[in-house]
Amino acid sequence: MPHISSLPLDDIAKLLGVDAQGLSNVAVIKELAEKAFSKPLTPEEDRIYTLLNMLRKTCWIEEDVLNCMDLYDNTLSGRPVFAATATPPPGFPPWWEKIEIQPYKKPKAFIFDDAAFVYPQYEGAQLLLWLISRRYPDSRIAVFAISSLRRILETNLPPGVGLYQGLIDAWGKMRVGVDLPEYDIAVVFWPSLHISARRRLRAAGRDPDAIELMQAIQLAGRILRPRPGETHEDVLAKRLVIFADARFSRPKKYLTRYFEVEDYD
């Protein structure tokens, strides 16, 4: 059963400082919430942000209550699931109303298929960053790299590029709650783990390649968060992920479950 969040229109009106009668549809609520969130800091900012997150889902109004529902992916078919239940859950849209569902979209990603960067040299990694920065001169670029690669890259860093390494511990565990929506492009190098961490994982019976791939997807997702005033569609149109290693081509079929993947030329 999909998860549904609900909020009475009276509570929304009080939060936004408007008359509940004026909250005629979801688009109006979203416009008012974005306008309220853009104002100077207020004690209600966190609650308004929570409302904006609700509105990024599939929403409808029923009996003076705003209902918002998550769309989940069916891992077997790769298609979004609107509802998987024999009986409609509470608050489900009435069947006689037309409910429009946005087509499923994925963020765009490229695979740089011309090099595999190997510890400890990483030859060509610095040149690749400069090529990317010249191809996208007005974009801010977040680069995810392990410590040894970071030390090489930071000696000659293009303008507008930020290096991030401390999001992963030696065992491959991600730090949660660290999002970077201020960046436009994520560049993810394959060796997100130090070679010693790979050895420890293999000794513990865990596949380092699987950990690397999982991390690559999670790291790329750090930039795929809406900025204030942005919609999810804005993010898909403006953000870009570059998987900077030929080894990402091996699980390309898996990556296409999350990204619209193309080769970087």
Protein backbone atom coordinates (compact mmCIF):
# COMPACT_ATOMS: atom_id res chain seq x y z
CA MET A 1 0.00 0.00 0.00
CA PRO A 2 1.48 3.40 -0.94
CA HIS A 3 2.22 5.89 1.83
CA ILE A 4 -0.21 8.82 1.99
CA SER A 5 0.31 12.05 3.95
CA SER A 6 -2.77 14.17 4.73
CA LEU A 7 -3.24 17.71 6.02
CA PRO A 8 -6.56 19.56 6.58
CA LEU A 9 -7.02 22.68 4.46
CA ASP A 10 -7.79 24.68 7.62
CA ASP A 11 -4.33 23.83 8.99
CA ILE A 12 -2.71 24.77 5.69
CA ALA A 13 -4.60 28.08 5.60
CA LYS A 14 -3.47 28.90 9.14
CA LEU A 15 0.13 28.00 8.27
CA LEU A 16 0.17 30.17 5.14
CA GLY A 17 -1.92 33.00 6.61
CA VAL A 18 -4.72 32.81 4.04
CA ASP A 19 -8.43 32.01 3.92
CA ALA A 20 -9.17 28.30 3.57
CA GLN A 21 -11.82 29.12 0.96
CA GLY A 22 -9.02 30.32 -1.35
CA LEU A 23 -7.28 26.94 -1.37
CA SER A 24 -9.20 25.72 -4.39
CA ASN A 25 -6.67 23.28 -5.83
CA VAL A 26 -3.21 21.81 -5.38
CA ALA A 27 -1.56 24.32 -7.75
CA VAL A 28 -2.84 27.24 -5.65
CA ILE A 29 -1.54 25.66 -2.43
CA LYS A 30 1.86 25.05 -4.01
CA GLU A 31 2.12 28.65 -5.28
CA LEU A 32 1.20 30.06 -1.85
CA ALA A 33 3.61 27.72 -0.05
CA GLU A 34 6.52 28.68 -2.33
CA LYS A 35 5.73 32.36 -1.82
CA ALA A 36 5.63 31.91 1.96
CA PHE A 37 8.89 29.94 1.96
CA SER A 38 10.72 32.67 -0.01
CA LYS A 39 10.01 35.26 2.71
CA PRO A 40 12.53 36.04 5.48
CA LEU A 41 13.08 33.39 8.16
CA THR A 42 10.03 32.69 10.31
CA PRO A 43 9.27 30.16 13.07
CA GLU A 44 6.97 28.34 10.62
CA GLU A 45 9.69 27.78 7.99
CA ASP A 46 10.21 24.09 8.84
CA ARG A 47 6.48 23.34 8.62
CA ILE A 48 6.23 25.16 5.27
CA TYR A 49 9.20 23.17 3.97
CA THR A 50 7.46 19.94 5.07
CA LEU A 51 4.36 21.05 3.15
CA LEU A 52 6.46 21.75 0.03
CA ASN A 53 7.95 18.25 0.26
CA MET A 54 4.44 16.81 0.43
CA LEU A 55 3.44 18.76 -2.68
CA ARG A 56 6.23 17.16 -4.73
CA LYS A 57 4.28 13.90 -4.61
CA THR A 58 1.00 12.97 -6.32
CA CYS A 59 -1.58 15.16 -4.52
CA TRP A 60 -5.33 15.75 -4.54
CA ILE A 61 -7.96 17.44 -2.36
CA GLU A 62 -10.84 15.44 -0.92
CA GLU A 63 -13.34 16.57 1.76
CA ASP A 64 -11.27 19.66 2.67
CA VAL A 65 -8.12 17.58 3.19
CA LEU A 66 -4.92 17.65 1.11
CA ASN A 67 -3.68 14.11 0.42
CA CYS A 68 -0.24 13.40 -1.07
CA MET A 69 0.95 9.95 -2.07
CA ASP A 70 4.36 8.47 -2.94
CA LEU A 71 4.86 6.66 -6.23
CA TYR A 72 7.08 3.60 -5.82
CA ASP A 73 9.04 1.75 -8.48
CA ASN A 74 8.29 -1.87 -9.18
CA THR A 75 11.79 -3.36 -9.08
CA LEU A 76 10.78 -6.21 -11.37
CA SER A 77 9.21 -4.21 -14.17
CA GLY A 78 11.04 -0.89 -13.72
CA ARG A 79 7.71 0.93 -13.93
CA PRO A 80 6.22 3.27 -11.29
CA VAL A 81 3.48 1.76 -9.13
CA PHE A 82 0.48 3.98 -8.40
CA ALA A 83 -1.25 1.57 -6.05
CA ALA A 84 -0.77 -2.12 -5.28
CA THR A 85 -3.73 -3.03 -3.14
CA ALA A 86 -6.97 -4.96 -3.63
CA THR A 87 -9.07 -2.31 -1.88
CA PRO A 88 -8.58 1.46 -2.05
CA PRO A 89 -6.74 2.85 1.01
CA PRO A 90 -8.34 5.64 3.11
CA GLY A 91 -8.25 8.97 1.30
CA PHE A 92 -7.77 7.40 -2.12
CA PRO A 93 -9.02 9.64 -4.96
CA PRO A 94 -12.65 8.94 -5.83
CA TRP A 95 -12.88 6.80 -8.94
CA TRP A 96 -15.25 9.17 -10.70
CA GLU A 97 -12.65 11.95 -10.75
CA LYS A 98 -9.94 12.07 -13.39
CA ILE A 99 -6.52 11.78 -11.76
CA GLU A 100 -3.53 12.86 -13.85
CA ILE A 101 -0.20 11.14 -13.13
CA GLN A 102 2.98 12.69 -14.46
CA PRO A 103 5.05 10.40 -16.72
CA TYR A 104 8.02 8.82 -14.99
CA LYS A 105 11.24 10.73 -15.67
CA LYS A 106 14.83 10.09 -14.67
CA PRO A 107 17.77 12.48 -14.24
CA LYS A 108 20.26 12.53 -17.11
CA ALA A 109 23.67 10.90 -16.64
CA PHE A 110 26.76 10.32 -18.77
CA ILE A 111 29.40 7.61 -18.54
CA PHE A 112 32.95 8.69 -19.38
CA ASP A 113 34.08 5.54 -21.13
CA ASP A 114 37.63 6.51 -22.16
CA ALA A 115 39.59 5.81 -18.96
CA ALA A 116 39.71 3.75 -15.79
CA PHE A 117 41.45 5.65 -13.01
CA VAL A 118 43.71 3.35 -10.98
CA TYR A 119 45.27 3.89 -7.56
CA PRO A 120 47.61 5.67 -6.99
CA GLN A 121 48.25 7.49 -10.31
CA TYR A 122 44.77 8.54 -11.57
CA GLU A 123 46.31 9.81 -14.79
CA GLY A 124 43.91 11.93 -16.80
CA ALA A 125 41.47 12.58 -13.94
CA GLN A 126 42.55 16.21 -13.63
CA LEU A 127 42.26 16.74 -17.39
CA LEU A 128 38.76 15.29 -17.38
CA LEU A 129 37.65 17.84 -14.76
CA TRP A 130 38.94 20.70 -16.90
CA LEU A 131 37.17 19.30 -19.97
CA ILE A 132 33.89 19.09 -18.05
CA SER A 133 34.25 22.60 -16.63
CA ARG A 134 34.91 23.99 -20.13
CA ARG A 135 31.95 22.12 -21.61
CA TYR A 136 29.68 23.50 -18.86
CA PRO A 137 31.31 26.86 -18.02
CA ASP A 138 28.43 28.30 -15.98
CA SER A 139 27.79 25.21 -13.85
CA ARG A 140 28.89 24.42 -10.32
CA ILE A 141 30.46 20.97 -10.14
CA ALA A 142 30.62 18.65 -7.12
CA VAL A 143 33.36 16.01 -7.40
CA PHE A 144 33.27 12.87 -5.24
CA ALA A 145 36.67 11.27 -4.82
CA ILE A 146 38.69 9.29 -2.26
CA SER A 147 41.54 10.96 -0.37
CA SER A 148 44.39 9.92 -2.69
CA LEU A 149 42.56 11.13 -5.81
CA ARG A 150 41.40 14.29 -4.04
CA ARG A 151 44.99 15.26 -3.22
CA ILE A 152 45.89 15.03 -6.91
CA LEU A 153 42.84 16.93 -8.15
CA GLU A 154 42.99 19.79 -5.65
CA THR A 155 46.43 20.92 -6.90
CA ASN A 156 44.87 22.28 -10.11
CA LEU A 157 41.15 22.72 -9.64
CA PRO A 158 38.92 24.44 -12.23
CA PRO A 159 36.77 27.38 -11.02
CA GLY A 160 33.39 26.44 -9.56
CA VAL A 161 34.45 22.89 -8.62
CA GLY A 162 34.05 21.50 -5.09
CA LEU A 163 35.75 18.31 -3.87
CA TYR A 164 34.01 15.97 -1.44
CA GLN A 165 35.54 12.94 0.19
CA GLY A 166 34.35 12.79 3.79
CA LEU A 167 30.85 11.47 3.00
CA ILE A 168 32.01 7.84 3.22
CA ASP A 169 33.79 6.01 6.03
CA ALA A 170 36.39 3.27 5.55
CA TRP A 171 33.70 0.56 5.45
CA GLY A 172 31.66 2.26 2.77
CA LYS A 173 28.94 3.60 5.08
CA MET A 174 27.36 6.85 3.85
CA ARG A 175 26.87 9.92 5.96
CA VAL A 176 23.14 10.67 5.85
CA GLY A 177 21.50 14.07 5.58
CA VAL A 178 24.28 15.66 3.51
CA ASP A 179 22.71 17.12 0.38
CA LEU A 180 24.36 19.52 -2.09
CA PRO A 181 21.53 21.05 -4.13
CA GLU A 182 23.59 24.17 -4.83
CA TYR A 183 25.59 22.20 -7.41
CA ASP A 184 24.50 21.61 -11.02
CA ILE A 185 26.72 18.63 -11.91
CA ALA A 186 27.96 15.63 -9.92
CA VAL A 187 31.17 13.96 -11.11
CA VAL A 188 31.55 10.52 -9.51
CA PHE A 189 34.84 8.66 -9.89
CA TRP A 190 34.73 4.87 -9.60
CA PRO A 191 37.22 4.45 -6.73
CA SER A 192 35.04 5.93 -3.98
CA LEU A 193 36.75 3.50 -1.58
CA HIS A 194 40.42 3.42 -0.69
CA ILE A 195 42.19 0.21 -1.74
CA SER A 196 42.66 -0.82 1.90
CA ALA A 197 38.90 -0.48 2.50
CA ARG A 198 38.22 -2.66 -0.54
CA ARG A 199 40.50 -5.34 0.92
CA ARG A 200 38.75 -5.18 4.29
CA LEU A 201 35.33 -5.50 2.66
CA ARG A 202 36.43 -8.46 0.55
CA ALA A 203 37.89 -10.12 3.66
CA ALA A 204 34.53 -9.65 5.38
CA GLY A 205 32.74 -11.40 2.52
CA ARG A 206 31.29 -8.22 0.94
CA ASP A 207 31.67 -7.35 -2.74
CA PRO A 208 33.60 -4.04 -3.03
CA ASP A 209 32.32 -3.45 -6.58
CA ALA A 210 28.71 -3.64 -5.37
CA ILE A 211 29.52 -1.14 -2.61
CA GLU A 212 31.20 1.20 -5.12
CA LEU A 213 28.15 1.10 -7.41
CA MET A 214 25.70 1.71 -4.57
CA GLN A 215 27.79 4.64 -3.37
CA ALA A 216 27.98 6.13 -6.86
CA ILE A 217 24.18 6.28 -7.05
CA GLN A 218 23.89 7.71 -3.55
CA LEU A 219 26.61 10.30 -4.14
CA ALA A 220 25.02 11.42 -7.40
CA GLY A 221 21.74 11.85 -5.55
CA ARG A 222 23.30 14.49 -3.28
CA ILE A 223 22.81 17.14 -5.98
CA LEU A 224 19.35 15.89 -7.04
CA ARG A 225 17.46 17.82 -4.39
CA PRO A 226 15.21 20.80 -5.22
CA ARG A 227 16.40 24.23 -4.19
CA PRO A 228 13.85 26.61 -2.62
CA GLY A 229 11.29 27.45 -5.28
CA GLU A 230 12.29 24.56 -7.57
CA THR A 231 10.10 21.65 -8.60
CA HIS A 232 11.20 18.07 -9.20
CA GLU A 233 10.84 18.72 -12.94
CA ASP A 234 13.26 21.65 -12.63
CA VAL A 235 15.83 19.35 -11.05
CA LEU A 236 15.52 16.79 -13.86
CA ALA A 237 15.99 19.53 -16.46
CA LYS A 238 18.91 21.35 -14.82
CA ARG A 239 21.05 18.73 -13.04
CA LEU A 240 23.52 16.36 -14.61
CA VAL A 241 25.54 13.36 -13.38
CA ILE A 242 28.84 12.20 -14.92
CA PHE A 243 30.12 8.75 -13.97
CA ALA A 244 33.81 9.32 -14.63
CA ASP A 245 35.17 5.85 -15.28
CA ALA A 246 34.85 3.15 -17.94
CA ARG A 247 33.99 0.59 -15.25
CA PHE A 248 30.55 2.19 -14.90
CA SER A 249 29.72 0.73 -18.32
CA ARG A 250 29.69 -2.79 -16.85
CA PRO A 251 26.57 -2.12 -14.72
CA LYS A 252 25.09 0.29 -17.28
CA LYS A 253 21.89 -1.75 -17.49
CA TYR A 254 21.50 -1.39 -13.72
CA LEU A 255 22.20 2.37 -13.80
CA THR A 256 19.44 2.88 -16.38
CA ARG A 257 16.95 1.95 -13.66
CA TYR A 258 17.78 5.28 -12.00
CA PHE A 259 19.19 7.50 -14.77
CA GLU A 260 18.82 8.27 -18.47
CA VAL A 261 22.34 7.10 -19.28
CA GLU A 262 24.38 8.18 -22.32
CA ASP A 263 28.06 7.88 -23.22
CA TYR A 264 30.09 11.03 -22.62
CA ASP A 265 31.60 12.25 -25.89
